[in-house]
Amino acid sequence: MKNNDFLVVIKNLKPYLEANEIDDNKAPVRACHRYLSNRTDQLDYKNAIEKGLPIGSGEIESAHRYVIQKRLKLSGAWWIAANIEPMLTLRVVRANDDWDKYWDAVAA
């Protein structure tokens, strides 16, 4: 996967696909095969690694807690739905250390 050989992985899963009669909840190979097959345009791990981007969900889950949930789950806080996305956009921009770049783009 890290070398963008996802088609090889998908091909190698085929002999192990569970029968279609088996419930999806009991067919992990079929679920994995379908997941990868439906997302080949999102599996450019090699390029992501070269750019120093995270490829695992662990960092994303962690960021979700301290960037998004920390703000949304403040005790006594309430939100107008229309304001949530812009506020979260700013928090993500700040967490990614793109604050100046963001405001330069807004000014342009």
PDB file of N, CA and C in Angstrom:
ATOM      1  N   MET A   1       0.827  -1.189   0.000  1.00  0.00           N
ATOM      2  CA  MET A   1       0.000   0.000   0.000  1.00  0.00           C
ATOM      3  C   MET A   1       0.875   1.257   0.000  1.00  0.00           C
ATOM      4  N   LYS A   2       1.965   1.241   0.753  1.00  0.00           N
ATOM      5  CA  LYS A   2       2.819   2.424   0.836  1.00  0.00           C
ATOM      6  C   LYS A   2       3.562   2.706  -0.466  1.00  0.00           C
ATOM      7  N   ASN A   3       3.597   1.730  -1.354  1.00  0.00           N
ATOM      8  CA  ASN A   3       4.219   1.922  -2.668  1.00  0.00           C
ATOM      9  C   ASN A   3       3.180   2.081  -3.771  1.00  0.00           C
ATOM     10  N   ASN A   4       1.942   2.346  -3.363  1.00  0.00           N
ATOM     11  CA  ASN A   4       0.820   2.498  -4.298  1.00  0.00           C
ATOM     12  C   ASN A   4       0.537   1.227  -5.091  1.00  0.00           C
ATOM     13  N   ASP A   5       0.838   0.070  -4.512  1.00  0.00           N
ATOM     14  CA  ASP A   5       0.527  -1.204  -5.144  1.00  0.00           C
ATOM     15  C   ASP A   5      -0.823  -1.728  -4.666  1.00  0.00           C
ATOM     16  N   PHE A   6      -1.781  -0.829  -4.505  1.00  0.00           N
ATOM     17  CA  PHE A   6      -3.084  -1.219  -3.975  1.00  0.00           C
ATOM     18  C   PHE A   6      -3.816  -2.192  -4.901  1.00  0.00           C
ATOM     19  N   LEU A   7      -3.573  -2.123  -6.207  1.00  0.00           N
ATOM     20  CA  LEU A   7      -4.218  -3.069  -7.133  1.00  0.00           C
ATOM     21  C   LEU A   7      -3.739  -4.495  -6.872  1.00  0.00           C
ATOM     22  N   VAL A   8      -2.483  -4.639  -6.470  1.00  0.00           N
ATOM     23  CA  VAL A   8      -1.956  -5.958  -6.112  1.00  0.00           C
ATOM     24  C   VAL A   8      -2.657  -6.455  -4.856  1.00  0.00           C
ATOM     25  N   VAL A   9      -2.832  -5.575  -3.888  1.00  0.00           N
ATOM     26  CA  VAL A   9      -3.520  -5.950  -2.643  1.00  0.00           C
ATOM     27  C   VAL A   9      -4.950  -6.378  -2.963  1.00  0.00           C
ATOM     28  N   ILE A  10      -5.647  -5.597  -3.756  1.00  0.00           N
ATOM     29  CA  ILE A  10      -7.028  -5.925  -4.124  1.00  0.00           C
ATOM     30  C   ILE A  10      -7.087  -7.270  -4.826  1.00  0.00           C
ATOM     31  N   LYS A  11      -6.171  -7.497  -5.756  1.00  0.00           N
ATOM     32  CA  LYS A  11      -6.124  -8.768  -6.493  1.00  0.00           C
ATOM     33  C   LYS A  11      -5.859  -9.937  -5.542  1.00  0.00           C
ATOM     34  N   ASN A  12      -4.934  -9.742  -4.591  1.00  0.00           N
ATOM     35  CA  ASN A  12      -4.579 -10.814  -3.663  1.00  0.00           C
ATOM     36  C   ASN A  12      -5.686 -11.132  -2.666  1.00  0.00           C
ATOM     37  N   LEU A  13      -6.630 -10.231  -2.481  1.00  0.00           N
ATOM     38  CA  LEU A  13      -7.761 -10.501  -1.596  1.00  0.00           C
ATOM     39  C   LEU A  13      -8.807 -11.395  -2.267  1.00  0.00           C
ATOM     40  N   LYS A  14      -8.890 -11.351  -3.591  1.00  0.00           N
ATOM     41  CA  LYS A  14      -9.952 -12.053  -4.327  1.00  0.00           C
ATOM     42  C   LYS A  14     -10.115 -13.529  -3.959  1.00  0.00           C
ATOM     43  N   PRO A  15      -9.040 -14.314  -3.883  1.00  0.00           N
ATOM     44  CA  PRO A  15      -9.243 -15.742  -3.557  1.00  0.00           C
ATOM     45  C   PRO A  15      -9.845 -15.978  -2.176  1.00  0.00           C
ATOM     46  N   TYR A  16      -9.818 -14.978  -1.329  1.00  0.00           N
ATOM     47  CA  TYR A  16     -10.290 -15.135   0.043  1.00  0.00           C
ATOM     48  C   TYR A  16     -11.649 -14.483   0.300  1.00  0.00           C
ATOM     49  N   LEU A  17     -12.280 -13.974  -0.766  1.00  0.00           N
ATOM     50  CA  LEU A  17     -13.589 -13.331  -0.602  1.00  0.00           C
ATOM     51  C   LEU A  17     -14.617 -14.326  -0.098  1.00  0.00           C
ATOM     52  N   GLU A  18     -15.370 -13.918   0.891  1.00  0.00           N
ATOM     53  CA  GLU A  18     -16.429 -14.764   1.418  1.00  0.00           C
ATOM     54  C   GLU A  18     -17.577 -14.829   0.406  1.00  0.00           C
ATOM     55  N   ALA A  19     -18.381 -15.855   0.523  1.00  0.00           N
ATOM     56  CA  ALA A  19     -19.541 -16.026  -0.366  1.00  0.00           C
ATOM     57  C   ALA A  19     -20.508 -14.872  -0.166  1.00  0.00           C
ATOM     58  N   ASN A  20     -21.199 -14.495  -1.235  1.00  0.00           N
ATOM     59  CA  ASN A  20     -22.158 -13.381  -1.164  1.00  0.00           C
ATOM     60  C   ASN A  20     -23.297 -13.654  -0.197  1.00  0.00           C
ATOM     61  N   GLU A  21     -23.554 -14.921   0.075  1.00  0.00           N
ATOM     62  CA  GLU A  21     -24.654 -15.274   0.988  1.00  0.00           C
ATOM     63  C   GLU A  21     -24.321 -14.941   2.438  1.00  0.00           C
ATOM     64  N   ILE A  22     -23.041 -14.774   2.735  1.00  0.00           N
ATOM     65  CA  ILE A  22     -22.616 -14.468   4.105  1.00  0.00           C
ATOM     66  C   ILE A  22     -22.872 -12.992   4.380  1.00  0.00           C
ATOM     67  N   ASP A  23     -23.448 -12.732   5.543  1.00  0.00           N
ATOM     68  CA  ASP A  23     -23.741 -11.365   5.974  1.00  0.00           C
ATOM     69  C   ASP A  23     -22.471 -10.522   5.946  1.00  0.00           C
ATOM     70  N   ASP A  24     -22.584  -9.262   5.503  1.00  0.00           N
ATOM     71  CA  ASP A  24     -21.435  -8.360   5.426  1.00  0.00           C
ATOM     72  C   ASP A  24     -20.701  -8.231   6.759  1.00  0.00           C
ATOM     73  N   ASN A  25     -21.428  -8.293   7.866  1.00  0.00           N
ATOM     74  CA  ASN A  25     -20.800  -8.182   9.185  1.00  0.00           C
ATOM     75  C   ASN A  25     -19.868  -9.355   9.485  1.00  0.00           C
ATOM     76  N   LYS A  26     -20.043 -10.459   8.762  1.00  0.00           N
ATOM     77  CA  LYS A  26     -19.213 -11.647   8.974  1.00  0.00           C
ATOM     78  C   LYS A  26     -18.313 -11.911   7.772  1.00  0.00           C
ATOM     79  N   ALA A  27     -18.075 -10.892   6.970  1.00  0.00           N
ATOM     80  CA  ALA A  27     -17.263 -11.032   5.761  1.00  0.00           C
ATOM     81  C   ALA A  27     -16.196  -9.938   5.718  1.00  0.00           C
ATOM     82  N   PRO A  28     -15.192  -9.994   6.591  1.00  0.00           N
ATOM     83  CA  PRO A  28     -14.203  -8.918   6.655  1.00  0.00           C
ATOM     84  C   PRO A  28     -13.355  -8.775   5.395  1.00  0.00           C
ATOM     85  N   VAL A  29     -13.057  -9.878   4.724  1.00  0.00           N
ATOM     86  CA  VAL A  29     -12.239  -9.782   3.507  1.00  0.00           C
ATOM     87  C   VAL A  29     -13.032  -9.077   2.413  1.00  0.00           C
ATOM     88  N   ARG A  30     -14.285  -9.455   2.269  1.00  0.00           N
ATOM     89  CA  ARG A  30     -15.140  -8.810   1.264  1.00  0.00           C
ATOM     90  C   ARG A  30     -15.296  -7.319   1.572  1.00  0.00           C
ATOM     91  N   ALA A  31     -15.459  -6.980   2.843  1.00  0.00           N
ATOM     92  CA  ALA A  31     -15.601  -5.571   3.235  1.00  0.00           C
ATOM     93  C   ALA A  31     -14.319  -4.805   2.903  1.00  0.00           C
ATOM     94  N   CYS A  32     -13.172  -5.400   3.183  1.00  0.00           N
ATOM     95  CA  CYS A  32     -11.889  -4.745   2.886  1.00  0.00           C
ATOM     96  C   CYS A  32     -11.721  -4.591   1.375  1.00  0.00           C
ATOM     97  N   HIS A  33     -12.021  -5.637   0.632  1.00  0.00           N
ATOM     98  CA  HIS A  33     -11.909  -5.606  -0.839  1.00  0.00           C
ATOM     99  C   HIS A  33     -12.786  -4.502  -1.414  1.00  0.00           C
ATOM    100  N   ARG A  34     -14.021  -4.431  -0.958  1.00  0.00           N
ATOM    101  CA  ARG A  34     -14.944  -3.400  -1.445  1.00  0.00           C
ATOM    102  C   ARG A  34     -14.465  -2.005  -1.057  1.00  0.00           C
ATOM    103  N   TYR A  35     -14.018  -1.859   0.180  1.00  0.00           N
ATOM    104  CA  TYR A  35     -13.528  -0.558   0.661  1.00  0.00           C
ATOM    105  C   TYR A  35     -12.380  -0.067  -0.215  1.00  0.00           C
ATOM    106  N   LEU A  36     -11.387  -0.897  -0.440  1.00  0.00           N
ATOM    107  CA  LEU A  36     -10.231  -0.507  -1.248  1.00  0.00           C
ATOM    108  C   LEU A  36     -10.618  -0.282  -2.707  1.00  0.00           C
ATOM    109  N   SER A  37     -11.438  -1.161  -3.253  1.00  0.00           N
ATOM    110  CA  SER A  37     -11.847  -1.049  -4.655  1.00  0.00           C
ATOM    111  C   SER A  37     -12.610   0.240  -4.924  1.00  0.00           C
ATOM    112  N   ASN A  38     -13.377   0.685  -3.957  1.00  0.00           N
ATOM    113  CA  ASN A  38     -14.186   1.895  -4.126  1.00  0.00           C
ATOM    114  C   ASN A  38     -13.403   3.183  -3.854  1.00  0.00           C
ATOM    115  N   ARG A  39     -12.150   3.059  -3.413  1.00  0.00           N
ATOM    116  CA  ARG A  39     -11.378   4.253  -3.032  1.00  0.00           C
ATOM    117  C   ARG A  39      -9.993   4.303  -3.670  1.00  0.00           C
ATOM    118  N   THR A  40      -9.822   3.718  -4.817  1.00  0.00           N
ATOM    119  CA  THR A  40      -8.494   3.695  -5.424  1.00  0.00           C
ATOM    120  C   THR A  40      -7.956   5.102  -5.676  1.00  0.00           C
ATOM    121  N   ASP A  41      -8.844   6.064  -5.866  1.00  0.00           N
ATOM    122  CA  ASP A  41      -8.393   7.445  -6.082  1.00  0.00           C
ATOM    123  C   ASP A  41      -7.925   8.112  -4.788  1.00  0.00           C
ATOM    124  N   GLN A  42      -8.108   7.446  -3.651  1.00  0.00           N
ATOM    125  CA  GLN A  42      -7.712   8.010  -2.361  1.00  0.00           C
ATOM    126  C   GLN A  42      -6.525   7.274  -1.741  1.00  0.00           C
ATOM    127  N   LEU A  43      -5.884   6.392  -2.504  1.00  0.00           N
ATOM    128  CA  LEU A  43      -4.851   5.535  -1.944  1.00  0.00           C
ATOM    129  C   LEU A  43      -3.442   5.897  -2.413  1.00  0.00           C
ATOM    130  N   ASP A  44      -3.191   7.169  -2.608  1.00  0.00           N
ATOM    131  CA  ASP A  44      -1.874   7.625  -3.040  1.00  0.00           C
ATOM    132  C   ASP A  44      -0.972   7.815  -1.823  1.00  0.00           C
ATOM    133  N   TYR A  45      -0.745   6.716  -1.110  1.00  0.00           N
ATOM    134  CA  TYR A  45       0.044   6.764   0.112  1.00  0.00           C
ATOM    135  C   TYR A  45       1.486   7.188  -0.157  1.00  0.00           C
ATOM    136  N   LYS A  46       2.048   6.732  -1.254  1.00  0.00           N
ATOM    137  CA  LYS A  46       3.446   7.049  -1.563  1.00  0.00           C
ATOM    138  C   LYS A  46       3.650   8.562  -1.639  1.00  0.00           C
ATOM    139  N   ASN A  47       2.786   9.247  -2.341  1.00  0.00           N
ATOM    140  CA  ASN A  47       2.881  10.704  -2.461  1.00  0.00           C
ATOM    141  C   ASN A  47       2.658  11.383  -1.103  1.00  0.00           C
ATOM    142  N   ALA A  48       1.703  10.875  -0.342  1.00  0.00           N
ATOM    143  CA  ALA A  48       1.436  11.448   0.980  1.00  0.00           C
ATOM    144  C   ALA A  48       2.657  11.310   1.886  1.00  0.00           C
ATOM    145  N   ILE A  49       3.293  10.149   1.850  1.00  0.00           N
ATOM    146  CA  ILE A  49       4.486   9.911   2.672  1.00  0.00           C
ATOM    147  C   ILE A  49       5.604  10.852   2.253  1.00  0.00           C
ATOM    148  N   GLU A  50       5.792  11.002   0.938  1.00  0.00           N
ATOM    149  CA  GLU A  50       6.843  11.897   0.440  1.00  0.00           C
ATOM    150  C   GLU A  50       6.620  13.338   0.883  1.00  0.00           C
ATOM    151  N   LYS A  51       5.351  13.736   1.048  1.00  0.00           N
ATOM    152  CA  LYS A  51       5.025  15.095   1.479  1.00  0.00           C
ATOM    153  C   LYS A  51       4.982  15.227   3.001  1.00  0.00           C
ATOM    154  N   GLY A  52       5.218  14.112   3.705  1.00  0.00           N
ATOM    155  CA  GLY A  52       5.199  14.145   5.160  1.00  0.00           C
ATOM    156  C   GLY A  52       3.804  14.197   5.751  1.00  0.00           C
ATOM    157  N   LEU A  53       2.805  13.777   4.982  1.00  0.00           N
ATOM    158  CA  LEU A  53       1.421  13.787   5.454  1.00  0.00           C
ATOM    159  C   LEU A  53       1.089  12.495   6.186  1.00  0.00           C
ATOM    160  N   PRO A  54       0.179  12.542   7.146  1.00  0.00           N
ATOM    161  CA  PRO A  54      -0.200  11.309   7.843  1.00  0.00           C
ATOM    162  C   PRO A  54      -1.026  10.413   6.921  1.00  0.00           C
ATOM    163  N   ILE A  55      -0.818   9.110   7.020  1.00  0.00           N
ATOM    164  CA  ILE A  55      -1.596   8.173   6.212  1.00  0.00           C
ATOM    165  C   ILE A  55      -2.477   7.273   7.068  1.00  0.00           C
ATOM    166  N   GLY A  56      -2.340   7.355   8.373  1.00  0.00           N
ATOM    167  CA  GLY A  56      -3.137   6.526   9.262  1.00  0.00           C
ATOM    168  C   GLY A  56      -4.238   7.327   9.916  1.00  0.00           C
ATOM    169  N   SER A  57      -5.215   6.632  10.437  1.00  0.00           N
ATOM    170  CA  SER A  57      -6.344   7.325  11.059  1.00  0.00           C
ATOM    171  C   SER A  57      -6.022   7.773  12.484  1.00  0.00           C
ATOM    172  N   GLY A  58      -4.984   7.241  13.088  1.00  0.00           N
ATOM    173  CA  GLY A  58      -4.654   7.589  14.465  1.00  0.00           C
ATOM    174  C   GLY A  58      -4.440   9.075  14.670  1.00  0.00           C
ATOM    175  N   GLU A  59      -3.662   9.689  13.797  1.00  0.00           N
ATOM    176  CA  GLU A  59      -3.405  11.129  13.926  1.00  0.00           C
ATOM    177  C   GLU A  59      -4.674  11.930  13.693  1.00  0.00           C
ATOM    178  N   ILE A  60      -5.508  11.467  12.772  1.00  0.00           N
ATOM    179  CA  ILE A  60      -6.759  12.158  12.476  1.00  0.00           C
ATOM    180  C   ILE A  60      -7.694  12.071  13.679  1.00  0.00           C
ATOM    181  N   GLU A  61      -7.803  10.880  14.267  1.00  0.00           N
ATOM    182  CA  GLU A  61      -8.664  10.723  15.438  1.00  0.00           C
ATOM    183  C   GLU A  61      -8.180  11.604  16.582  1.00  0.00           C
ATOM    184  N   SER A  62      -6.889  11.668  16.774  1.00  0.00           N
ATOM    185  CA  SER A  62      -6.335  12.487  17.840  1.00  0.00           C
ATOM    186  C   SER A  62      -6.622  13.962  17.580  1.00  0.00           C
ATOM    187  N   ALA A  63      -6.404  14.403  16.357  1.00  0.00           N
ATOM    188  CA  ALA A  63      -6.665  15.804  16.005  1.00  0.00           C
ATOM    189  C   ALA A  63      -8.136  16.135  16.179  1.00  0.00           C
ATOM    190  N   HIS A  64      -8.984  15.191  15.878  1.00  0.00           N
ATOM    191  CA  HIS A  64     -10.426  15.410  16.041  1.00  0.00           C
ATOM    192  C   HIS A  64     -10.759  15.777  17.477  1.00  0.00           C
ATOM    193  N   ARG A  65     -10.079  15.123  18.411  1.00  0.00           N
ATOM    194  CA  ARG A  65     -10.341  15.405  19.825  1.00  0.00           C
ATOM    195  C   ARG A  65      -9.849  16.792  20.233  1.00  0.00           C
ATOM    196  N   TYR A  66      -8.631  17.167  19.846  1.00  0.00           N
ATOM    197  CA  TYR A  66      -8.110  18.428  20.367  1.00  0.00           C
ATOM    198  C   TYR A  66      -8.388  19.633  19.483  1.00  0.00           C
ATOM    199  N   VAL A  67      -8.740  19.431  18.226  1.00  0.00           N
ATOM    200  CA  VAL A  67      -9.052  20.573  17.366  1.00  0.00           C
ATOM    201  C   VAL A  67     -10.553  20.830  17.345  1.00  0.00           C
ATOM    202  N   ILE A  68     -11.325  19.798  17.183  1.00  0.00           N
ATOM    203  CA  ILE A  68     -12.768  19.976  16.991  1.00  0.00           C
ATOM    204  C   ILE A  68     -13.537  19.807  18.297  1.00  0.00           C
ATOM    205  N   GLN A  69     -13.426  18.642  18.908  1.00  0.00           N
ATOM    206  CA  GLN A  69     -14.238  18.370  20.089  1.00  0.00           C
ATOM    207  C   GLN A  69     -13.929  19.306  21.251  1.00  0.00           C
ATOM    208  N   LYS A  70     -12.673  19.670  21.404  1.00  0.00           N
ATOM    209  CA  LYS A  70     -12.299  20.542  22.522  1.00  0.00           C
ATOM    210  C   LYS A  70     -13.099  21.836  22.485  1.00  0.00           C
ATOM    211  N   ARG A  71     -13.339  22.356  21.298  1.00  0.00           N
ATOM    212  CA  ARG A  71     -14.078  23.616  21.156  1.00  0.00           C
ATOM    213  C   ARG A  71     -15.585  23.390  21.213  1.00  0.00           C
ATOM    214  N   LEU A  72     -16.058  22.355  20.548  1.00  0.00           N
ATOM    215  CA  LEU A  72     -17.501  22.134  20.472  1.00  0.00           C
ATOM    216  C   LEU A  72     -18.095  21.622  21.780  1.00  0.00           C
ATOM    217  N   LYS A  73     -17.284  20.974  22.593  1.00  0.00           N
ATOM    218  CA  LYS A  73     -17.799  20.364  23.811  1.00  0.00           C
ATOM    219  C   LYS A  73     -17.500  21.171  25.073  1.00  0.00           C
ATOM    220  N   LEU A  74     -17.241  22.459  24.905  1.00  0.00           N
ATOM    221  CA  LEU A  74     -17.018  23.300  26.079  1.00  0.00           C
ATOM    222  C   LEU A  74     -18.271  23.323  26.951  1.00  0.00           C
ATOM    223  N   SER A  75     -18.070  23.236  28.222  1.00  0.00           N
ATOM    224  CA  SER A  75     -19.193  23.266  29.151  1.00  0.00           C
ATOM    225  C   SER A  75     -19.951  24.582  29.010  1.00  0.00           C
ATOM    226  N   GLY A  76     -21.240  24.490  28.828  1.00  0.00           N
ATOM    227  CA  GLY A  76     -22.088  25.674  28.714  1.00  0.00           C
ATOM    228  C   GLY A  76     -22.092  26.321  27.342  1.00  0.00           C
ATOM    229  N   ALA A  77     -21.313  25.784  26.406  1.00  0.00           N
ATOM    230  CA  ALA A  77     -21.256  26.378  25.059  1.00  0.00           C
ATOM    231  C   ALA A  77     -22.494  25.991  24.260  1.00  0.00           C
ATOM    232  N   TRP A  78     -22.891  26.869  23.393  1.00  0.00           N
ATOM    233  CA  TRP A  78     -23.974  26.567  22.465  1.00  0.00           C
ATOM    234  C   TRP A  78     -23.591  27.150  21.120  1.00  0.00           C
ATOM    235  N   TRP A  79     -24.214  26.644  20.058  1.00  0.00           N
ATOM    236  CA  TRP A  79     -23.782  27.010  18.719  1.00  0.00           C
ATOM    237  C   TRP A  79     -24.952  27.294  17.807  1.00  0.00           C
ATOM    238  N   ILE A  80     -24.763  28.252  16.953  1.00  0.00           N
ATOM    239  CA  ILE A  80     -25.670  28.455  15.825  1.00  0.00           C
ATOM    240  C   ILE A  80     -25.080  27.597  14.716  1.00  0.00           C
ATOM    241  N   ALA A  81     -25.877  26.712  14.149  1.00  0.00           N
ATOM    242  CA  ALA A  81     -25.373  25.728  13.185  1.00  0.00           C
ATOM    243  C   ALA A  81     -24.553  26.370  12.061  1.00  0.00           C
ATOM    244  N   ALA A  82     -24.980  27.511  11.581  1.00  0.00           N
ATOM    245  CA  ALA A  82     -24.283  28.168  10.461  1.00  0.00           C
ATOM    246  C   ALA A  82     -22.875  28.630  10.833  1.00  0.00           C
ATOM    247  N   ASN A  83     -22.594  28.783  12.134  1.00  0.00           N
ATOM    248  CA  ASN A  83     -21.278  29.271  12.568  1.00  0.00           C
ATOM    249  C   ASN A  83     -20.267  28.163  12.846  1.00  0.00           C
ATOM    250  N   ILE A  84     -20.732  26.930  12.935  1.00  0.00           N
ATOM    251  CA  ILE A  84     -19.843  25.836  13.322  1.00  0.00           C
ATOM    252  C   ILE A  84     -18.757  25.599  12.280  1.00  0.00           C
ATOM    253  N   GLU A  85     -19.132  25.447  11.027  1.00  0.00           N
ATOM    254  CA  GLU A  85     -18.140  25.128  10.000  1.00  0.00           C
ATOM    255  C   GLU A  85     -17.081  26.225   9.846  1.00  0.00           C
ATOM    256  N   PRO A  86     -17.457  27.509   9.779  1.00  0.00           N
ATOM    257  CA  PRO A  86     -16.410  28.543   9.686  1.00  0.00           C
ATOM    258  C   PRO A  86     -15.474  28.548  10.900  1.00  0.00           C
ATOM    259  N   MET A  87     -16.025  28.342  12.095  1.00  0.00           N
ATOM    260  CA  MET A  87     -15.201  28.320  13.297  1.00  0.00           C
ATOM    261  C   MET A  87     -14.242  27.135  13.261  1.00  0.00           C
ATOM    262  N   LEU A  88     -14.725  25.965  12.852  1.00  0.00           N
ATOM    263  CA  LEU A  88     -13.863  24.792  12.781  1.00  0.00           C
ATOM    264  C   LEU A  88     -12.804  24.949  11.696  1.00  0.00           C
ATOM    265  N   THR A  89     -13.149  25.611  10.600  1.00  0.00           N
ATOM    266  CA  THR A  89     -12.174  25.873   9.540  1.00  0.00           C
ATOM    267  C   THR A  89     -11.006  26.672  10.107  1.00  0.00           C
ATOM    268  N   LEU A  90     -11.308  27.694  10.882  1.00  0.00           N
ATOM    269  CA  LEU A  90     -10.246  28.508  11.475  1.00  0.00           C
ATOM    270  C   LEU A  90      -9.392  27.704  12.454  1.00  0.00           C
ATOM    271  N   ARG A  91     -10.012  26.826  13.224  1.00  0.00           N
ATOM    272  CA  ARG A  91      -9.253  25.996  14.170  1.00  0.00           C
ATOM    273  C   ARG A  91      -8.322  25.033  13.433  1.00  0.00           C
ATOM    274  N   VAL A  92      -8.801  24.474  12.332  1.00  0.00           N
ATOM    275  CA  VAL A  92      -7.979  23.552  11.543  1.00  0.00           C
ATOM    276  C   VAL A  92      -6.825  24.313  10.889  1.00  0.00           C
ATOM    277  N   VAL A  93      -7.113  25.500  10.359  1.00  0.00           N
ATOM    278  CA  VAL A  93      -6.062  26.318   9.753  1.00  0.00           C
ATOM    279  C   VAL A  93      -4.982  26.624  10.791  1.00  0.00           C
ATOM    280  N   ARG A  94      -5.390  26.981  11.983  1.00  0.00           N
ATOM    281  CA  ARG A  94      -4.423  27.281  13.041  1.00  0.00           C
ATOM    282  C   ARG A  94      -3.646  26.028  13.449  1.00  0.00           C
ATOM    283  N   ALA A  95      -4.330  24.897  13.585  1.00  0.00           N
ATOM    284  CA  ALA A  95      -3.661  23.651  13.977  1.00  0.00           C
ATOM    285  C   ALA A  95      -2.649  23.213  12.927  1.00  0.00           C
ATOM    286  N   ASN A  96      -2.919  23.513  11.670  1.00  0.00           N
ATOM    287  CA  ASN A  96      -2.007  23.153  10.575  1.00  0.00           C
ATOM    288  C   ASN A  96      -0.909  24.189  10.369  1.00  0.00           C
ATOM    289  N   ASP A  97      -0.893  25.203  11.213  1.00  0.00           N
ATOM    290  CA  ASP A  97       0.106  26.278  11.138  1.00  0.00           C
ATOM    291  C   ASP A  97       0.048  27.013   9.795  1.00  0.00           C
ATOM    292  N   ASP A  98      -1.183  27.191   9.289  1.00  0.00           N
ATOM    293  CA  ASP A  98      -1.402  27.885   8.015  1.00  0.00           C
ATOM    294  C   ASP A  98      -2.115  29.223   8.215  1.00  0.00           C
ATOM    295  N   TRP A  99      -2.047  29.760   9.416  1.00  0.00           N
ATOM    296  CA  TRP A  99      -2.804  30.958   9.755  1.00  0.00           C
ATOM    297  C   TRP A  99      -2.490  32.125   8.828  1.00  0.00           C
ATOM    298  N   ASP A 100      -1.218  32.480   8.660  1.00  0.00           N
ATOM    299  CA  ASP A 100      -0.853  33.617   7.808  1.00  0.00           C
ATOM    300  C   ASP A 100      -1.208  33.351   6.355  1.00  0.00           C
ATOM    301  N   LYS A 101      -0.918  32.152   5.895  1.00  0.00           N
ATOM    302  CA  LYS A 101      -1.236  31.771   4.520  1.00  0.00           C
ATOM    303  C   LYS A 101      -2.747  31.906   4.243  1.00  0.00           C
ATOM    304  N   TYR A 102      -3.563  31.457   5.217  1.00  0.00           N
ATOM    305  CA  TYR A 102      -5.019  31.531   5.082  1.00  0.00           C
ATOM    306  C   TYR A 102      -5.473  32.993   4.926  1.00  0.00           C
ATOM    307  N   TRP A 103      -4.982  33.857   5.828  1.00  0.00           N
ATOM    308  CA  TRP A 103      -5.433  35.239   5.786  1.00  0.00           C
ATOM    309  C   TRP A 103      -4.887  35.986   4.581  1.00  0.00           C
ATOM    310  N   ASP A 104      -3.711  35.606   4.096  1.00  0.00           N
ATOM    311  CA  ASP A 104      -3.201  36.176   2.850  1.00  0.00           C
ATOM    312  C   ASP A 104      -4.124  35.817   1.695  1.00  0.00           C
ATOM    313  N   ALA A 105      -4.602  34.580   1.682  1.00  0.00           N
ATOM    314  CA  ALA A 105      -5.528  34.137   0.616  1.00  0.00           C
ATOM    315  C   ALA A 105      -6.858  34.855   0.721  1.00  0.00           C
ATOM    316  N   VAL A 106      -7.344  35.072   1.935  1.00  0.00           N
ATOM    317  CA  VAL A 106      -8.610  35.797   2.137  1.00  0.00           C
ATOM    318  C   VAL A 106      -8.464  37.224   1.644  1.00  0.00           C
ATOM    319  N   ALA A 107      -7.335  37.856   1.969  1.00  0.00           N
ATOM    320  CA  ALA A 107      -7.117  39.255   1.551  1.00  0.00           C
ATOM    321  C   ALA A 107      -7.012  39.378   0.028  1.00  0.00           C
ATOM    322  N   ALA A 108      -6.450  38.347  -0.603  1.00  0.00           N
ATOM    323  CA  ALA A 108      -6.301  38.377  -2.062  1.00  0.00           C
ATOM    324  C   ALA A 108      -7.669  38.240  -2.701  1.00  0.00           C
TER     325      ALA A 108
END
